[in-house]
Protein backbone atom coordinates (compact mmCIF):
# COMPACT_ATOMS: atom_id res chain seq x y z
CA MET A 1 74.14 108.93 115.19
CA SER A 2 76.86 106.23 115.33
CA GLY A 3 79.14 105.84 112.40
CA ILE A 4 81.40 103.38 110.62
CA TYR A 5 85.21 103.61 110.81
CA LEU A 6 87.71 101.68 108.67
CA ILE A 7 90.70 99.91 110.15
CA ASP A 8 92.79 98.45 107.40
CA VAL A 9 94.82 95.36 108.46
CA THR A 10 96.70 94.70 105.21
CA ASN A 11 100.06 95.25 106.99
CA ARG A 12 99.19 92.80 109.70
CA ASP A 13 96.65 90.18 108.50
CA GLY A 14 97.47 90.65 104.79
CA VAL A 15 101.12 89.91 105.22
CA GLN A 16 100.32 86.75 107.23
CA THR A 17 99.00 85.20 104.04
CA ALA A 18 100.80 82.09 103.07
CA HIS A 19 103.37 82.54 100.27
CA LEU A 20 103.09 86.36 100.35
CA GLY A 21 104.88 89.28 102.00
CA LEU A 22 105.83 92.87 101.64
CA SER A 23 109.08 94.79 102.08
CA LYS A 24 109.21 97.35 104.83
CA LEU A 25 109.20 100.17 102.25
CA GLU A 26 106.14 98.60 100.54
CA LYS A 27 104.36 98.44 103.87
CA THR A 28 105.18 102.10 104.46
CA MET A 29 103.83 103.04 101.06
CA ILE A 30 100.57 101.23 101.88
CA ASN A 31 100.32 103.35 105.03
CA MET A 32 100.91 106.42 102.92
CA TYR A 33 98.16 105.46 100.45
CA LEU A 34 95.75 104.50 103.20
CA ASN A 35 96.30 107.92 104.75
CA GLU A 36 95.64 109.64 101.43
CA MET A 37 92.49 107.64 100.99
CA GLY A 38 91.13 108.73 104.38
CA VAL A 39 91.22 105.33 106.20
CA PHE A 40 90.88 105.87 109.96
CA GLN A 41 93.59 103.47 111.18
CA SER A 42 96.17 101.05 109.77
CA GLU A 43 97.12 97.98 111.78
CA PHE A 44 100.68 98.51 110.73
CA GLY A 45 102.42 95.45 112.18
CA PHE A 46 103.66 93.32 115.05
CA PRO A 47 105.61 95.34 117.62
CA THR A 48 106.92 92.18 119.32
CA THR A 49 108.61 91.07 116.11
CA ARG A 50 112.22 92.28 116.02
CA HIS A 51 112.52 92.57 112.19
CA GLU A 52 109.49 94.94 112.34
CA GLN A 53 111.08 97.15 115.04
CA TYR A 54 112.70 99.81 112.93
CA TYR A 55 109.94 99.82 110.34
CA LEU A 56 107.37 100.53 113.09
CA GLN A 57 109.60 103.18 114.65
CA ALA A 58 110.12 104.87 111.31
CA ASN A 59 106.42 104.99 110.55
CA LEU A 60 105.73 106.48 114.02
CA GLU A 61 108.27 109.22 113.18
CA LEU A 62 106.40 109.94 109.99
CA ALA A 63 103.27 110.30 112.08
CA GLU A 64 104.96 112.51 114.61
CA THR A 65 106.21 114.85 111.87
CA GLY A 66 102.76 115.04 110.20
CA VAL A 67 103.56 113.02 107.11
CA LEU A 68 101.32 110.14 108.21
CA LYS A 69 98.42 112.14 109.54
CA PRO A 70 95.58 111.88 110.42
CA ILE A 71 95.69 108.08 110.04
CA ARG A 72 96.33 106.23 113.32
CA LEU A 73 98.92 103.48 113.45
CA GLY A 74 97.99 100.46 115.53
CA GLY A 75 100.06 97.43 116.62
CA TRP A 76 98.74 93.86 117.11
CA ILE A 77 99.85 92.08 120.33
CA ARG A 78 98.91 88.78 121.88
CA ALA A 79 97.09 89.25 125.21
CA VAL A 80 100.20 88.16 127.23
CA VAL A 81 101.77 90.61 129.65
CA ASP A 82 105.33 89.68 128.62
CA ASP A 83 104.40 90.38 124.99
CA VAL A 84 102.96 93.73 125.87
CA GLU A 85 106.13 94.72 127.74
CA LYS A 86 108.31 93.51 124.86
CA ALA A 87 106.23 95.55 122.38
CA PHE A 88 106.67 98.79 124.24
CA LYS A 89 110.37 98.11 124.77
CA LEU A 90 110.98 97.57 121.07
CA VAL A 91 108.54 100.26 119.90
CA PRO A 92 108.23 102.75 122.76
CA GLY A 93 106.16 105.27 120.71
CA LEU A 94 103.11 103.04 120.33
CA GLN A 95 99.89 104.85 121.02
CA HIS A 96 97.25 102.44 119.57
CA VAL A 97 97.17 98.72 120.07
CA ASN A 98 94.89 95.70 119.70
CA LEU A 99 95.27 92.82 122.12
CA SER A 100 94.11 89.41 121.00
CA ILE A 101 93.17 86.10 122.63
CA SER A 102 90.91 83.14 121.63
CA THR A 103 87.52 82.97 123.23
CA SER A 104 85.70 79.95 121.72
CA ASP A 105 85.60 76.66 123.62
CA GLN A 106 87.03 75.04 120.46
CA MET A 107 90.16 77.22 120.58
CA ILE A 108 90.46 77.40 124.41
CA GLN A 109 90.53 73.54 124.46
CA GLY A 110 92.30 73.16 121.13
CA LYS A 111 95.10 75.66 121.76
CA PHE A 112 95.56 75.42 125.55
CA GLN A 113 94.83 71.71 125.75
CA GLY A 114 92.88 71.95 128.97
CA ALA A 115 95.37 74.22 130.72
CA LYS A 116 93.19 77.35 130.59
CA SER A 117 89.53 78.00 131.29
CA ARG A 118 87.15 80.74 130.22
CA ASP A 119 87.93 82.59 133.46
CA ASP A 120 91.64 82.30 132.74
CA VAL A 121 91.14 83.87 129.31
CA VAL A 122 89.37 86.83 130.85
CA SER A 123 92.10 87.25 133.44
CA MET A 124 94.86 87.05 130.84
CA MET A 125 93.15 89.75 128.76
CA VAL A 126 92.60 91.99 131.74
CA ASP A 127 96.21 91.71 132.81
CA ALA A 128 97.49 92.48 129.30
CA LEU A 129 95.09 95.43 129.04
CA GLU A 130 96.23 96.88 132.33
CA ALA A 131 99.88 96.47 131.18
CA ALA A 132 99.18 98.25 127.94
CA ARG A 133 97.33 101.07 129.71
CA SER A 134 100.27 101.54 132.08
CA HIS A 135 102.30 102.69 129.01
CA GLY A 136 99.94 105.62 128.35
CA THR A 137 98.25 104.27 125.26
CA GLN A 138 95.62 106.44 123.57
CA SER A 139 93.43 103.62 122.46
CA ILE A 140 93.18 99.86 122.96
CA GLY A 141 91.06 97.44 121.07
CA VAL A 142 90.46 93.99 122.54
CA ASN A 143 90.11 91.04 120.09
CA ALA A 144 88.00 87.97 120.64
CA GLU A 145 89.48 85.42 118.27
CA ASP A 146 86.86 83.07 116.94
CA ALA A 147 84.07 85.14 118.33
CA SER A 148 81.65 83.65 115.80
CA ARG A 149 82.05 80.24 117.49
CA THR A 150 82.01 81.65 121.02
CA ASP A 151 79.02 81.34 123.36
CA THR A 152 77.16 84.63 123.30
CA ASP A 153 76.85 84.90 127.09
CA PHE A 154 80.62 84.44 127.44
CA LEU A 155 81.25 87.11 124.77
CA ILE A 156 79.16 89.54 126.84
CA THR A 157 81.13 88.51 129.99
CA PHE A 158 84.45 89.00 128.19
CA ALA A 159 83.50 92.31 126.55
CA SER A 160 82.05 93.61 129.84
CA ALA A 161 85.33 92.84 131.60
CA VAL A 162 87.51 94.60 129.09
CA LYS A 163 85.21 97.64 128.97
CA GLU A 164 85.44 97.87 132.78
CA HIS A 165 89.24 97.83 132.57
CA GLY A 166 89.47 100.61 129.98
CA ALA A 167 89.28 99.05 126.47
CA GLN A 168 87.83 101.44 123.88
CA ARG A 169 86.74 98.80 121.32
CA PHE A 170 85.72 95.18 121.20
CA ARG A 171 86.83 93.27 118.06
CA TYR A 172 84.41 90.58 117.00
CA CYS A 173 86.56 88.16 114.91
CA ASP A 174 84.80 85.87 112.50
CA THR A 175 88.12 84.09 112.28
CA LEU A 176 86.98 81.21 110.09
CA GLY A 177 84.36 83.05 108.09
CA TYR A 178 81.70 80.94 109.81
CA ASP A 179 79.09 83.69 110.24
CA ASN A 180 76.48 84.89 107.81
CA PRO A 181 74.93 88.35 107.61
CA PHE A 182 71.94 87.30 109.80
CA THR A 183 73.91 85.66 112.64
CA ILE A 184 76.66 88.34 112.78
CA TYR A 185 74.01 91.07 112.88
CA GLN A 186 72.33 89.47 115.90
CA SER A 187 75.59 88.78 117.69
CA THR A 188 77.07 92.29 117.34
CA ARG A 189 73.76 93.95 118.23
CA THR A 190 73.41 91.72 121.32
CA VAL A 191 76.96 92.63 122.53
CA ALA A 192 76.50 96.32 121.69
CA GLU A 193 73.19 96.52 123.58
CA ASN A 194 74.31 94.52 126.60
CA VAL A 195 77.86 95.85 127.02
CA GLY A 196 77.75 99.34 125.52
CA ILE A 197 81.13 99.25 123.73
CA PRO A 198 81.99 100.07 120.11
CA ILE A 199 82.33 96.96 117.97
CA GLU A 200 85.12 96.09 115.47
CA LEU A 201 84.20 93.60 112.68
CA HIS A 202 86.99 91.35 111.53
CA CYS A 203 85.62 89.00 108.86
CA HIS A 204 87.23 86.37 106.71
CA GLY A 205 86.01 85.01 103.39
CA ASP A 206 86.06 81.19 103.90
CA LEU A 207 82.40 81.05 102.82
CA GLY A 208 82.56 84.11 100.50
CA MET A 209 80.76 86.48 102.81
CA ALA A 210 83.47 88.72 104.31
CA VAL A 211 82.17 92.05 102.96
CA ALA A 212 78.49 91.18 103.52
CA ASN A 213 79.21 90.03 107.11
CA SER A 214 81.21 93.20 107.76
CA ILE A 215 78.43 95.58 106.81
CA ALA A 216 75.77 93.37 108.52
CA GLY A 217 77.88 93.36 111.65
CA ALA A 218 78.36 97.06 111.48
CA LYS A 219 74.57 97.48 111.17
CA GLY A 220 74.11 95.42 114.25
CA ALA A 221 76.55 97.50 116.24
CA ILE A 222 74.95 100.75 115.15
CA ASP A 223 71.45 99.43 115.75
CA GLY A 224 72.71 98.50 119.24
CA GLY A 225 73.72 102.09 119.77
CA GLN A 226 77.46 101.89 119.16
CA ASP A 227 80.09 102.89 116.61
CA ALA A 228 81.28 100.20 114.24
CA TYR A 229 84.87 99.65 113.07
CA ILE A 230 85.24 97.47 109.96
CA ASN A 231 88.60 95.68 109.37
CA THR A 232 89.63 95.50 105.69
CA THR A 233 92.59 94.49 103.55
CA ILE A 234 93.47 95.82 100.11
CA ASN A 235 92.21 93.52 97.40
CA GLY A 236 90.91 91.24 100.16
CA ILE A 237 94.43 89.73 100.65
CA GLY A 238 94.50 87.67 103.81
CA GLU A 239 94.83 84.27 105.30
CA ARG A 240 93.23 81.39 103.46
CA ALA A 241 90.30 82.89 101.42
CA GLY A 242 91.10 86.47 102.55
CA ASN A 243 89.51 89.31 104.41
CA ALA A 244 86.93 91.95 103.58
CA ASP A 245 88.23 93.91 100.65
CA LEU A 246 88.79 97.63 101.38
CA VAL A 247 87.31 98.96 98.15
CA ALA A 248 84.35 96.53 98.02
CA THR A 249 83.55 97.37 101.64
CA VAL A 250 83.45 101.14 100.94
CA LEU A 251 81.36 100.51 97.87
CA ALA A 252 78.96 98.31 99.80
CA VAL A 253 78.52 100.90 102.58
CA THR A 254 78.08 103.88 100.27
CA LYS A 255 76.33 102.33 97.21
CA SER A 256 74.24 99.34 98.36
CA LYS A 257 70.46 99.74 98.46
CA GLY A 258 69.40 102.15 101.12
CA PHE A 259 72.40 101.31 103.48
CA ALA A 260 74.03 104.78 103.50
CA GLU A 261 70.73 106.50 104.36
CA LYS A 262 71.21 105.35 107.97
CA TYR A 263 74.64 103.71 108.27
CA GLN A 264 77.37 106.14 107.15
CA LEU A 265 81.14 106.34 107.19
CA ALA A 266 82.22 108.40 110.14
CA LYS A 267 84.85 110.23 108.03
CA PRO A 268 84.99 110.64 104.24
CA VAL A 269 86.96 108.10 102.17
CA ASP A 270 88.39 109.24 98.84
CA LEU A 271 87.32 106.41 96.50
CA LYS A 272 89.29 108.06 93.67
CA LYS A 273 92.40 106.54 95.34
CA ALA A 274 90.96 103.01 94.97
CA TRP A 275 92.55 102.17 91.63
CA LYS A 276 96.00 103.45 92.70
CA ILE A 277 96.09 101.55 96.03
CA SER A 278 94.72 98.37 94.50
CA ARG A 279 97.29 98.39 91.72
CA PHE A 280 100.13 98.97 94.10
CA ALA A 281 99.07 96.17 96.44
CA SER A 282 98.78 93.88 93.43
CA TYR A 283 102.29 94.76 92.31
CA ALA A 284 103.84 94.57 95.74
CA PHE A 285 102.22 91.25 96.71
CA GLU A 286 102.71 89.96 93.12
CA VAL A 287 99.04 88.81 93.09
CA PRO A 288 96.89 89.85 90.10
CA VAL A 289 93.63 91.62 90.77
CA PRO A 290 90.81 89.20 89.78
CA ILE A 291 89.07 90.46 86.59
CA ASN A 292 85.71 90.46 88.43
CA GLN A 293 86.94 92.36 91.49
CA PRO A 294 84.42 95.14 92.42
CA GLY A 295 85.50 98.54 91.25
CA VAL A 296 89.08 97.69 90.26
CA GLY A 297 88.88 94.43 88.32
CA ALA A 298 89.55 94.52 84.55
CA ASN A 299 85.93 93.60 83.79
CA ALA A 300 84.31 95.91 86.43
CA PHE A 301 83.28 98.34 83.63
CA ALA A 302 83.57 96.03 80.59
CA HIS A 303 80.44 95.40 78.46
CA GLU A 304 80.26 92.95 75.59
CA SER A 305 76.62 91.65 75.40
CA GLY A 306 74.64 93.61 72.79
CA ILE A 307 71.85 94.45 75.19
CA HIS A 308 74.35 95.57 77.89
CA ALA A 309 76.57 97.57 75.55
CA ASP A 310 73.59 99.32 73.92
CA GLY A 311 72.10 100.10 77.38
CA VAL A 312 75.30 101.42 78.92
CA LEU A 313 76.01 103.56 75.87
CA LYS A 314 72.53 105.17 76.11
CA ASP A 315 72.78 105.71 79.85
CA PRO A 316 75.67 104.31 81.97
CA HIS A 317 73.29 103.93 84.94
CA ASN A 318 71.49 101.19 83.03
CA TYR A 319 74.29 98.71 83.81
CA GLU A 320 76.70 100.53 86.17
CA LEU A 321 75.91 101.40 89.83
CA TYR A 322 78.77 103.81 89.93
CA SER A 323 81.14 105.27 87.34
CA PHE A 324 84.67 104.27 86.64
CA ASP A 325 86.02 107.70 87.49
CA GLU A 326 84.53 107.48 91.02
CA VAL A 327 87.11 104.73 91.78
CA GLY A 328 90.03 106.57 90.08
CA ARG A 329 89.92 104.86 86.73
CA GLY A 330 89.85 106.30 83.17
CA GLU A 331 93.38 107.52 82.67
CA PRO A 332 95.42 105.56 80.01
CA GLU A 333 98.35 103.57 81.32
CA LEU A 334 101.68 103.93 79.42
CA VAL A 335 103.76 100.80 78.95
CA GLU A 336 107.42 101.21 77.78
CA THR A 337 107.98 99.19 74.66
CA GLY A 338 111.33 100.66 73.65
CA ARG A 339 114.49 101.38 75.62
CA GLU A 340 113.91 101.19 79.35
CA ILE A 341 116.28 102.13 82.18
CA CYS A 342 115.27 100.72 85.56
CA SER A 343 116.45 101.21 89.07
CA GLY A 344 117.77 98.05 90.70
CA GLU A 345 120.17 96.63 93.24
CA TYR A 346 123.02 96.89 90.72
CA SER A 347 122.13 100.29 89.21
CA GLY A 348 124.89 102.71 88.49
CA ILE A 349 124.77 106.49 88.96
CA SER A 350 124.29 107.42 85.34
CA GLY A 351 121.24 105.22 84.85
CA PHE A 352 119.90 106.22 88.26
CA LYS A 353 120.14 109.89 87.50
CA HIS A 354 118.27 109.21 84.22
CA VAL A 355 115.45 107.40 86.03
CA MET A 356 115.13 110.12 88.65
CA GLY A 357 115.23 112.87 86.03
CA LYS A 358 112.25 111.32 84.29
CA ILE A 359 110.21 111.80 87.50
CA GLU A 360 111.68 115.38 87.87
CA VAL A 361 113.99 114.71 90.82
CA SER A 362 117.25 116.51 90.83
CA PHE A 363 120.14 116.32 93.29
CA GLU A 364 122.13 119.12 94.88
CA ASN A 365 125.41 117.33 94.19
CA ALA A 366 126.99 113.96 93.25
CA THR A 367 127.26 112.96 96.92
CA GLN A 368 123.52 113.27 97.54
CA ALA A 369 122.82 111.32 94.34
CA GLU A 370 125.06 108.52 95.44
CA GLU A 371 123.46 108.39 98.91
CA VAL A 372 119.95 108.10 97.45
CA LEU A 373 121.10 105.58 94.86
CA GLU A 374 122.61 103.41 97.64
CA LEU A 375 119.28 103.50 99.53
CA ALA A 376 117.41 102.59 96.32
CA ARG A 377 119.74 99.63 95.84
CA TYR A 378 119.05 98.30 99.32
CA ALA A 379 115.29 98.84 98.79
CA ASN A 380 115.55 96.80 95.60
CA VAL A 381 117.41 94.04 97.44
CA GLU A 382 114.56 93.79 99.98
CA ALA A 383 111.70 94.04 97.43
CA GLN A 384 113.33 91.96 94.73
CA LYS A 385 111.47 93.93 92.13
CA PRO A 386 111.92 97.33 90.44
CA LEU A 387 110.77 100.22 92.55
CA ILE A 388 107.79 102.27 91.37
CA GLU A 389 107.90 106.02 90.90
CA ASP A 390 106.25 106.75 94.32
CA GLU A 391 108.85 104.66 96.08
CA LEU A 392 111.69 106.43 94.42
CA LEU A 393 110.14 109.78 95.21
CA PHE A 394 109.76 108.69 98.89
CA ILE A 395 113.38 107.61 99.13
CA ALA A 396 114.56 110.91 97.69
CA LYS A 397 112.33 112.89 100.04
CA TYR A 398 112.86 110.92 103.29
CA PRO A 399 116.31 109.30 103.12
CA LYS A 400 116.67 109.12 106.96
CA ILE A 401 113.40 107.36 107.36
CA VAL A 402 114.25 104.93 104.49
CA ARG A 403 117.58 104.13 106.13
CA LYS A 404 115.64 103.10 109.22
CA LEU A 405 113.14 101.08 107.20
CA LEU A 406 115.97 99.14 105.59
CA THR A 407 117.75 98.34 108.88
CA LEU A 408 117.54 94.70 109.96
CA ILE A 409 119.74 93.52 112.85
CA PRO A 410 119.40 89.80 113.63
CA PRO A 411 119.83 88.97 117.31
CA GLU A 412 123.17 87.67 118.57
CA PRO A 413 123.23 83.88 119.08
CA THR A 414 122.55 82.84 122.63
CA HIS A 415 125.22 80.05 122.56
CA SER A 416 128.46 79.59 120.70
């Protein structure tokens, strides 16, 4: 039976969110946490973007050495041959990519202003796909931007062409959150049945249905005989009203009424990591987790009403579909209220040794301590906030990787 895979796009779509961003170390930590959680793939960035170059290379090195395994790392590229060639020049180790182009008449006309037709869109994607395949990629997903406003017959034509030219997945993008669970189910099932290609679901929350649409679309793909790949972001962070939330999506797939009896995750996901990854993303993006966020919100397991409190104390299942420890909650959080020594961009060696000693990191000699401190200073400059314990541990363990993550080389000016 076909299954559901998770492709998290926090490091691509999440960081495109207006007013938000992540440092390269923070993006790397998210990849580490996604890997620990069991997520199938991370869309880890834009390989045509020069300031991502060394970050992407460093994460691929972590994958090659087995640190970032078994998660797959995929890059997002416009379906333009020149962009494909640039991507593999800047990040030659890429193995997994998604190529993207608009398919709706609205966007073909609105973006290309009459300069491109539907046939041109198919040709551009096929050319980009062939270019990517020439670099020996292991997997290629093809994105139909604004699929939910695209004529169904054209979607089938488009998906058939990319399958014929070697694409492994077709990404159905509900770019404006226009679909509802009934329409997206029918659309994905129709494409799956008529084309015979695995379907990715990329849903936005403009109408508040990103998670519902994602699992309905996955159901359509599986009922059509194909695997489904759901795109998520941590805490639902994404452009405008956001994307399908990672934790809520896993909960919906595994806990909603009767769904998991037929539609199952293709590989296990460790929900106990939910609290940790959500809290880190909240800290890194500097966006509080809503109190009513499924699983990880402050009120997700809070009960005040007399009837509810009495019922949950007698039997938690009366008012809780799942327990707090299933999503990694329950341990008390310690907050320093006395003296606190932090690591920062202006830290000295004495304070830094104290901080690292508290997390049981020791150094072979003073030179090593100074080298790690200098990297921590640079990481603080980029993040503009104190580093968390896991980041400090990562710097101490992988200093060469961190040096690459922190490397930014602006291009030389083309004119004097």
